[in-house]
Protein backbone atom coordinates (compact mmCIF):
# COMPACT_ATOMS: atom_id res chain seq x y z
CA MET A 1 228.49 94.83 154.08
CA ARG A 2 226.86 97.14 151.51
CA ARG A 3 226.82 95.84 147.91
CA ASP A 4 227.61 98.38 145.27
CA PRO A 5 224.98 98.79 142.72
CA SER A 6 225.21 96.87 139.22
CA LYS A 7 225.87 99.11 136.16
CA LYS A 8 222.24 98.50 134.85
CA GLN A 9 220.83 99.74 138.38
CA LEU A 10 223.05 102.65 138.03
CA GLU A 11 221.94 103.52 134.52
CA ALA A 12 218.34 103.04 135.51
CA THR A 13 218.78 105.25 138.43
CA ARG A 14 220.50 108.09 136.35
CA ARG A 15 217.84 107.82 133.58
CA ALA A 16 215.10 108.30 136.38
CA VAL A 17 216.75 111.15 137.79
CA LEU A 18 217.39 112.93 134.57
CA GLN A 19 213.70 112.36 133.54
CA SER A 20 212.55 113.95 136.90
CA ALA A 21 214.89 116.80 136.57
CA GLY A 22 213.93 117.48 133.03
CA ALA A 23 210.47 117.63 134.16
CA LEU A 24 211.07 119.95 136.86
CA ALA A 25 212.82 122.27 134.54
CA ALA A 26 209.84 122.27 132.29
CA GLY A 27 207.32 122.73 135.31
CA PHE A 28 205.52 119.40 134.30
CA LEU A 29 206.63 117.34 137.31
CA THR A 30 203.45 115.12 138.14
CA GLN A 31 204.74 112.55 140.33
CA PRO A 32 207.83 112.14 142.77
CA ALA A 33 211.05 111.19 141.61
CA THR A 34 211.62 107.39 141.93
CA ALA A 35 215.63 107.15 141.82
CA LYS A 36 217.12 106.01 145.19
CA GLY A 37 217.34 109.17 147.66
CA THR A 38 215.43 111.62 145.34
CA THR A 39 212.31 111.22 147.30
CA GLU A 40 213.84 112.07 150.71
CA ASN A 41 214.00 115.61 151.87
CA LEU A 42 217.27 117.61 151.10
CA ALA A 43 219.54 117.53 153.78
CA LEU A 44 219.04 121.34 154.08
CA GLN A 45 215.29 120.61 155.00
CA GLY A 46 216.04 117.97 157.73
CA GLY A 47 216.56 114.98 155.27
CA PRO A 48 219.48 112.53 155.42
CA THR A 49 222.79 113.43 154.15
CA ALA A 50 223.69 111.60 150.85
CA VAL A 51 227.28 111.29 151.44
CA THR A 52 228.06 109.17 154.57
CA MET A 53 231.79 108.08 154.12
CA PRO A 54 233.61 109.31 157.24
CA THR A 55 235.49 112.50 156.80
CA ARG A 56 238.87 111.02 157.46
CA LYS A 57 238.45 108.61 154.55
CA GLN A 58 237.17 111.41 152.37
CA ALA A 59 240.29 113.33 153.06
CA ASP A 60 242.49 110.04 152.25
CA ALA A 61 240.56 109.93 148.93
CA ALA A 62 241.78 113.17 147.78
CA ARG A 63 245.31 112.92 149.49
CA TRP A 64 248.23 114.47 147.58
CA PRO A 65 251.31 114.13 147.40
CA ILE A 66 251.59 110.48 147.43
CA PHE A 67 255.09 108.81 148.01
CA GLU A 68 255.44 105.31 148.02
CA THR A 69 258.14 102.64 148.67
CA GLU A 70 260.08 103.60 145.42
CA GLU A 71 260.43 107.24 146.63
CA GLU A 72 261.39 106.13 150.35
CA GLN A 73 264.17 103.71 148.97
CA ALA A 74 265.57 106.37 146.33
CA ILE A 75 265.66 109.12 149.10
CA VAL A 76 267.46 106.48 151.51
CA GLU A 77 269.95 105.66 148.64
CA PHE A 78 270.53 109.22 148.24
CA LEU A 79 271.35 109.91 151.90
CA ARG A 80 273.78 107.13 151.76
CA ASN A 81 275.52 108.25 148.52
CA PRO A 82 274.78 112.24 148.57
CA GLY A 83 275.64 114.30 145.59
CA TYR A 84 274.28 116.46 142.82
CA GLY A 85 274.22 113.84 140.14
CA PRO A 86 270.28 113.39 140.50
CA ILE A 87 269.88 116.89 138.76
CA ALA A 88 271.69 115.79 135.61
CA ALA A 89 269.67 112.49 135.72
CA LEU A 90 266.40 114.22 136.19
CA GLU A 91 267.09 116.45 133.14
CA ALA A 92 268.19 113.42 131.17
CA ASP A 93 264.96 111.68 132.05
CA TRP A 94 263.05 114.82 131.25
CA LYS A 95 264.49 115.40 127.93
CA ASP A 96 263.75 111.66 127.09
CA PHE A 97 260.12 111.84 128.11
CA PHE A 98 259.39 115.03 126.11
CA GLN A 99 261.91 114.55 123.37
CA ALA A 100 263.16 117.89 123.91
CA PRO A 101 266.72 118.95 122.90
CA PHE A 102 267.21 121.16 126.16
CA ALA A 103 266.04 121.26 129.75
CA LYS A 104 267.47 122.76 132.89
CA ALA A 105 266.37 121.94 136.52
CA GLN A 106 265.56 124.97 138.75
CA CYS A 107 264.87 125.49 142.41
CA ASN A 108 261.16 126.02 141.76
CA GLY A 109 258.84 126.86 139.15
CA THR A 110 259.00 130.53 139.71
CA SER A 111 262.89 130.58 139.07
CA ALA A 112 262.11 128.64 135.86
CA ILE A 113 259.80 131.37 134.68
CA ALA A 114 262.48 134.19 135.88
CA ALA A 115 265.13 132.40 133.84
CA MET A 116 263.13 131.95 130.82
CA PHE A 117 262.23 135.87 130.81
CA PHE A 118 265.92 136.47 130.95
CA ALA A 119 266.65 134.26 128.10
CA LEU A 120 264.12 136.22 126.02
CA ASP A 121 266.64 139.26 126.09
CA LEU A 122 264.03 141.79 125.19
CA PRO A 123 264.40 145.45 125.80
CA PRO A 124 262.72 147.22 128.75
CA GLY A 125 258.91 148.11 127.81
CA SER A 126 258.39 144.92 125.76
CA GLU A 127 254.91 143.38 126.47
CA ILE A 128 254.09 139.77 127.12
CA MET A 129 250.59 138.66 126.98
CA VAL A 130 249.58 136.55 129.76
CA PRO A 131 246.34 135.45 131.54
CA SER A 132 245.23 137.29 134.47
CA TYR A 133 243.61 134.09 135.64
CA THR A 134 247.07 132.60 137.01
CA PHE A 135 249.35 132.30 139.81
CA PHE A 136 251.53 135.45 140.25
CA ALA A 137 254.62 133.67 139.39
CA SER A 138 253.48 133.48 135.80
CA ILE A 139 253.68 137.47 135.76
CA VAL A 140 255.39 139.16 138.63
CA PRO A 141 259.04 138.21 137.50
CA MET A 142 258.70 140.43 134.42
CA ARG A 143 259.13 143.47 136.63
CA VAL A 144 262.54 142.45 137.42
CA PHE A 145 263.50 142.57 133.54
CA GLY A 146 261.35 145.78 132.79
CA LEU A 147 258.93 143.68 130.83
CA VAL A 148 255.22 144.59 130.79
CA PRO A 149 252.29 142.18 131.26
CA VAL A 150 249.34 142.46 129.00
CA PHE A 151 246.29 140.85 130.78
CA VAL A 152 244.64 138.54 128.33
CA ASP A 153 241.21 137.08 129.18
CA VAL A 154 240.40 133.52 129.64
CA ASN A 155 237.62 131.51 128.02
CA PRO A 156 235.05 130.97 130.95
CA ARG A 157 234.39 127.40 129.90
CA THR A 158 237.86 126.34 129.52
CA LEU A 159 239.91 128.87 132.03
CA ASN A 160 242.56 128.98 129.28
CA PHE A 161 243.94 131.82 127.08
CA ASP A 162 241.69 133.47 124.85
CA VAL A 163 243.17 134.07 121.56
CA ASP A 164 240.50 136.42 120.25
CA ASP A 165 241.04 138.53 123.26
CA ALA A 166 244.68 138.60 122.57
CA LYS A 167 244.21 139.71 119.09
CA ARG A 168 242.23 142.88 120.41
CA ARG A 169 245.13 143.68 122.87
CA LEU A 170 247.96 143.28 120.36
CA THR A 171 250.42 146.48 120.33
CA LYS A 172 253.47 147.37 118.31
CA ASN A 173 255.31 146.57 121.89
CA THR A 174 254.06 143.08 122.19
CA LYS A 175 256.85 140.61 121.79
CA ALA A 176 255.58 137.40 123.30
CA VAL A 177 252.56 135.20 124.41
CA PHE A 178 252.55 133.27 127.57
CA PRO A 179 249.46 130.89 127.90
CA VAL A 180 248.95 128.83 131.02
CA HIS A 181 247.54 125.30 130.59
CA TRP A 182 245.12 125.47 133.39
CA MET A 183 244.43 122.49 135.84
CA GLY A 184 245.45 119.89 133.23
CA LEU A 185 243.68 121.17 130.30
CA PRO A 186 245.87 122.15 127.19
CA CYS A 187 245.44 125.54 125.60
CA ALA A 188 244.67 125.69 121.99
CA MET A 189 248.34 125.92 121.09
CA ASP A 190 247.88 125.42 117.43
CA ASP A 191 245.83 128.56 117.18
CA ILE A 192 248.02 130.43 119.64
CA ASN A 193 250.97 129.35 117.55
CA ALA A 194 249.34 130.70 114.34
CA PHE A 195 248.52 134.01 115.75
CA ALA A 196 252.09 134.36 117.25
CA ALA A 197 253.66 133.44 113.88
CA GLU A 198 251.38 136.09 112.09
CA HIS A 199 252.78 138.72 114.26
CA GLY A 200 256.39 137.41 115.04
CA LEU A 201 255.68 136.65 118.73
CA ALA A 202 257.71 134.38 120.94
CA VAL A 203 255.45 131.54 122.46
CA LEU A 204 256.07 130.57 126.04
CA GLU A 205 254.09 128.06 127.84
CA ASP A 206 253.47 127.68 131.57
CA VAL A 207 252.92 123.82 132.09
CA ALA A 208 252.98 123.77 136.04
CA HIS A 209 249.45 122.26 136.10
CA SER A 210 249.74 120.00 133.14
CA PRO A 211 252.61 117.82 132.48
CA GLY A 212 251.68 114.86 130.29
CA ALA A 213 248.73 116.74 128.40
CA SER A 214 248.80 116.94 124.96
CA LEU A 215 247.48 118.42 121.73
CA LYS A 216 247.21 116.37 118.53
CA GLY A 217 249.55 113.91 120.06
CA ARG A 218 252.15 116.51 120.87
CA PRO A 219 252.76 117.02 124.53
CA VAL A 220 252.25 120.66 125.81
CA GLY A 221 255.44 122.38 126.71
CA THR A 222 256.92 121.47 123.13
CA TRP A 223 254.58 123.78 121.11
CA GLY A 224 256.62 126.94 122.54
CA ARG A 225 260.08 128.23 122.02
CA MET A 226 260.50 127.61 125.92
CA SER A 227 258.34 126.28 128.66
CA ILE A 228 258.40 125.74 132.46
CA PHE A 229 257.25 123.15 134.85
CA SER A 230 256.69 123.06 138.69
CA TYR A 231 257.32 120.12 141.14
CA GLN A 232 255.85 121.98 144.01
CA ALA A 233 254.08 119.65 146.58
CA THR A 234 250.52 120.12 145.19
CA LYS A 235 251.69 119.75 141.35
CA PRO A 236 251.07 116.65 139.34
CA ILE A 237 254.81 115.74 139.54
CA PRO A 238 255.33 116.59 143.40
CA ALA A 239 259.01 116.77 144.57
CA MET A 240 257.98 119.40 147.61
CA GLU A 241 259.74 122.08 145.64
CA GLY A 242 261.51 122.44 142.33
CA GLY A 243 261.02 123.50 138.71
CA MET A 244 262.22 122.59 135.08
CA GLY A 245 262.82 125.00 132.04
CA MET A 246 262.54 123.34 128.67
CA TYR A 247 264.04 124.92 125.67
CA GLN A 248 263.86 124.29 121.94
CA ASN A 249 267.30 126.07 120.95
CA ARG A 250 270.54 126.44 122.52
CA GLU A 251 270.91 129.92 122.89
CA ASP A 252 268.06 130.09 125.16
CA TYR A 253 269.03 127.32 127.15
CA GLU A 254 272.53 128.64 127.82
CA ARG A 255 271.44 132.32 128.49
CA ALA A 256 268.65 130.90 130.94
CA THR A 257 271.18 128.47 132.48
CA THR A 258 273.91 130.95 133.01
CA PHE A 259 271.34 133.51 134.81
CA GLY A 260 271.07 130.90 137.71
CA HIS A 261 273.89 128.56 137.55
CA SER A 262 277.41 129.94 137.85
CA ASP A 263 278.83 126.50 137.77
CA LEU A 264 277.60 125.42 134.41
CA PRO A 265 279.15 127.72 131.61
CA PRO A 266 282.29 125.42 131.33
CA SER A 267 279.89 122.68 129.81
CA PHE A 268 278.90 125.01 127.01
CA PRO A 269 280.47 124.52 123.68
CA ALA A 270 283.75 126.61 123.13
CA ASN A 271 281.97 129.00 120.83
CA SER A 272 279.22 129.90 123.21
CA PRO A 273 279.14 133.47 124.38
CA TYR A 274 278.16 132.39 127.97
CA ARG A 275 280.95 130.33 128.48
CA LYS A 276 283.20 133.12 129.88
CA PHE A 277 280.82 133.44 132.84
CA GLU A 278 282.19 130.60 134.80
CA GLY A 279 282.30 131.37 138.44
CA SER A 280 280.02 134.29 138.35
CA GLY A 281 276.99 133.71 136.37
CA LEU A 282 274.80 136.24 135.32
CA GLY A 283 272.77 136.96 138.51
CA LEU A 284 271.60 134.26 140.90
CA LYS A 285 271.54 130.76 142.19
CA PHE A 286 268.80 128.56 141.01
CA ARG A 287 270.29 125.32 141.54
CA MET A 288 267.69 122.40 142.46
CA ASN A 289 267.76 120.57 145.72
CA PRO A 290 269.20 117.13 144.65
CA MET A 291 266.80 115.25 146.96
CA ALA A 292 263.74 116.91 145.19
CA ALA A 293 265.25 115.83 141.91
CA VAL A 294 265.29 112.20 143.45
CA LEU A 295 261.60 112.64 144.12
CA ALA A 296 260.73 114.08 140.80
CA ARG A 297 262.49 111.27 138.85
CA ALA A 298 260.51 108.71 140.74
CA GLN A 299 257.23 110.60 140.37
CA LEU A 300 258.02 111.34 136.39
CA ARG A 301 258.32 107.47 135.96
CA LYS A 302 254.68 107.25 137.28
CA LEU A 303 253.28 110.24 135.57
CA LYS A 304 251.61 108.65 132.69
CA ALA A 305 249.99 105.96 134.31
CA ARG A 306 248.83 108.26 137.29
CA ASN A 307 247.16 110.94 134.56
CA GLU A 308 245.33 108.10 132.88
CA ASP A 309 243.98 106.55 136.09
CA GLY A 310 242.90 109.96 137.36
CA VAL A 311 241.19 110.68 134.21
CA ALA A 312 239.25 107.28 134.51
CA GLN A 313 238.48 108.11 138.11
CA VAL A 314 237.09 111.54 137.36
CA ARG A 315 234.86 110.12 134.42
CA LYS A 316 233.24 107.73 136.58
CA LEU A 317 231.61 110.88 138.38
CA ASN A 318 231.67 113.29 135.85
CA ASP A 319 230.10 111.09 132.83
CA ARG A 320 227.04 110.90 135.29
CA ILE A 321 226.66 114.30 136.68
CA SER A 322 227.50 116.10 133.46
CA GLN A 323 223.92 115.03 132.18
CA LEU A 324 222.29 117.31 134.84
CA PRO A 325 220.72 120.34 133.20
CA GLY A 326 222.82 123.43 133.67
CA LEU A 327 226.00 121.69 134.94
CA VAL A 328 228.67 121.98 132.54
CA GLU A 329 232.36 120.55 132.46
CA PRO A 330 235.28 122.48 130.80
CA THR A 331 235.34 122.28 127.08
CA ILE A 332 237.90 119.79 125.66
CA ARG A 333 238.54 119.18 122.15
CA SER A 334 238.46 115.77 120.69
CA ASP A 335 242.20 116.27 119.77
CA MET A 336 243.22 117.03 123.28
CA SER A 337 244.33 114.68 126.03
CA ARG A 338 243.96 116.26 129.37
CA LEU A 339 244.79 115.42 133.07
CA TYR A 340 243.35 116.58 136.34
CA TYR A 341 245.21 118.70 138.88
CA SER A 342 243.89 119.84 142.38
CA SER A 343 240.36 120.27 141.78
CA ASN A 344 237.40 118.82 139.45
CA ILE A 345 235.81 122.07 138.00
CA PHE A 346 232.39 122.52 136.78
CA PHE A 347 230.53 125.62 135.68
CA LEU A 348 226.75 126.41 136.67
CA ASP A 349 224.41 127.79 134.03
CA GLU A 350 222.07 129.10 136.80
CA ALA A 351 219.21 129.89 134.14
CA LYS A 352 219.25 125.97 132.89
CA ALA A 353 219.55 124.91 136.46
CA GLY A 354 216.98 126.95 137.84
CA PHE A 355 218.90 127.87 140.89
CA THR A 356 222.02 130.04 141.83
CA ARG A 357 225.42 128.81 142.36
CA ALA A 358 225.27 129.79 146.10
CA ALA A 359 222.21 127.63 146.59
CA LEU A 360 223.73 124.80 144.78
CA VAL A 361 227.07 124.91 146.93
CA LYS A 362 224.89 125.07 150.04
CA ALA A 363 222.84 122.16 149.09
CA LEU A 364 225.80 120.07 148.23
CA GLN A 365 227.78 120.91 151.32
CA ALA A 366 224.58 119.97 153.52
CA GLU A 367 224.54 116.74 151.82
CA GLY A 368 228.27 116.05 152.64
CA VAL A 369 229.77 116.98 149.38
CA LYS A 370 233.08 119.21 149.48
CA ALA A 371 231.97 121.58 146.97
CA THR A 372 233.03 125.01 146.84
CA ALA A 373 232.33 128.21 144.96
CA HIS A 374 235.50 128.09 143.00
CA ARG A 375 237.10 131.73 142.77
CA TYR A 376 240.66 132.35 141.63
CA ARG A 377 242.39 135.73 142.57
CA LEU A 378 242.75 137.63 139.27
CA GLN A 379 246.23 139.20 139.06
CA HIS A 380 245.13 142.29 137.36
CA LYS A 381 242.96 143.23 140.26
CA LEU A 382 245.90 143.40 142.93
CA PRO A 383 247.53 146.43 144.00
CA LEU A 384 251.06 145.57 142.68
CA TYR A 385 249.77 146.14 139.18
CA GLN A 386 248.31 149.37 139.98
CA ASP A 387 251.49 150.96 141.55
CA ALA A 388 253.63 152.26 138.75
CA ALA A 389 256.60 152.70 141.11
CA TRP A 390 257.21 148.84 140.58
CA TRP A 391 257.13 148.81 136.83
CA HIS A 392 259.19 150.10 133.72
CA HIS A 393 256.03 150.87 132.12
CA ALA A 394 252.69 150.77 134.19
CA PRO A 395 250.60 147.72 133.28
CA VAL A 396 247.07 148.67 131.48
CA ILE A 397 244.45 147.36 133.90
CA PRO A 398 241.82 145.98 131.64
CA GLU A 399 238.00 144.65 132.08
CA LEU A 400 238.32 140.85 131.62
CA PRO A 401 234.65 139.57 131.44
CA GLY A 402 235.56 135.90 130.69
CA SER A 403 237.55 135.72 133.90
CA ASP A 404 234.77 137.41 135.89
CA GLU A 405 232.27 134.92 134.69
CA ALA A 406 234.45 132.06 135.47
CA ASN A 407 234.77 133.26 139.07
CA ARG A 408 230.94 133.73 139.10
CA THR A 409 230.08 130.21 137.75
CA ALA A 410 232.62 127.52 138.66
CA VAL A 411 232.29 125.03 141.23
CA GLY A 412 234.93 123.27 142.61
CA LEU A 413 234.85 119.41 143.60
CA PRO A 414 237.77 117.26 145.21
CA TYR A 415 240.04 115.72 142.72
CA PHE A 416 239.90 112.08 144.01
CA THR A 417 243.62 110.74 143.87
CA SER A 418 242.65 107.14 144.60
CA GLU A 419 239.91 104.52 143.56
CA VAL A 420 236.86 105.32 145.81
CA PRO A 421 233.72 103.82 144.01
CA GLU A 422 231.45 104.13 147.19
CA LEU A 423 232.34 107.86 147.54
CA VAL A 424 231.82 108.54 143.88
CA GLU A 425 228.37 106.96 144.15
CA GLN A 426 227.58 108.92 146.95
CA TYR A 427 228.51 112.20 145.26
CA ALA A 428 226.64 111.20 142.35
CA GLN A 429 223.49 110.49 144.34
CA ALA A 430 223.89 113.81 146.14
CA PHE A 431 223.91 115.81 142.88
CA GLU A 432 220.88 113.78 141.39
CA LYS A 433 218.95 114.41 144.84
CA VAL A 434 219.53 118.14 144.64
CA TRP A 435 218.57 118.32 141.09
CA ALA A 436 215.45 116.45 141.63
CA HIS A 437 214.55 118.84 144.17
CA ARG A 438 215.93 121.84 142.62
CA LYS A 439 212.54 123.58 142.55
CA GLN A 440 212.94 124.14 146.24
CA LEU A 441 216.24 125.91 145.81
CA ALA A 442 215.00 128.40 143.33
CA GLY A 443 214.30 131.00 146.15
CA ILE A 444 217.49 130.46 148.13
């Protein structure tokens, strides 16, 4: 059986590779690298691959969602005693976890967003600032209410809402900001809230990727007037489908709830202006499937530990390969606590690395690393936003250089959801091997 290297051996290997890579960058390499694997040819050039773990095991390492005995037993119990009780139980658990006054489960994250926009009660033509670097659901429901998206750029080193860009796009019609906490990394909500308070804007949050992340010890989702979460199968709290709206005041909660839940107005206080809409609601049916609520409750109980385990797992790889010249992790402030979702993202500074992103991805894939040139579909470039027929007021289509830069420089790696020290070691060796031979990639 192969014996894992000791910490001292790994550190010696890392130092040797970094010294070699640094010498390459300066053009002063006078002798071959001595770290394990770095004297072998790149797999692109006929050398052995660095990643030798079987494909099936690699897929298992990144498997998601993960449902265990607790979820199985909870679903069986529900099938034996069916009813809608799990929805209210999930809402109670959710309010307790986030210390929030109001929460309403929805059939998915998109419906939670639609209900939130309805709760704003803004006149048609009102503008909401939102990043283009997001899923369509953060934006498209605006058109149902005559609202207009103002596309804001992202910081190309965080993929999150750029407050400075938002300041440049502010108009007299801007009424709200809607940042998205991207792939587990919190937005700078203190700066966003300060900007919003200065201009009288409502603050909304899309926390679909980031439940459990925090800024200054305060959970994201509690910084804004309203926030939404998703339980879609790939999300950190997977329930196959489902969503949650969270509200800081009763008026928003009652209006959002009445929009999609005709049976709940009787539960409102007697003086509520929405109590009278029992039996009709105000538009749609957004009730969550109670089996999804059962799954979400079980997953919520595991969220904190899973987030912490995921971060520890990612750090074992990232602390090592982020030392390589030109390979940059997303920037995180010291007062932020993040989680990881879906992918482990890096950015490549091609000038410092000495080769292109395309060359890096090609070389890593040849070594057996599941690397991709990460590009996300930018909403403002899609046909829907350029056809005025679908909008009360046509959105302005801007230039967003930060979003474009992110799509030019991002490199995606798998997010390993289980402990796989052997695979982490092989990935690290693949990166170090590529960097030790990076001069050969300069022309690719």
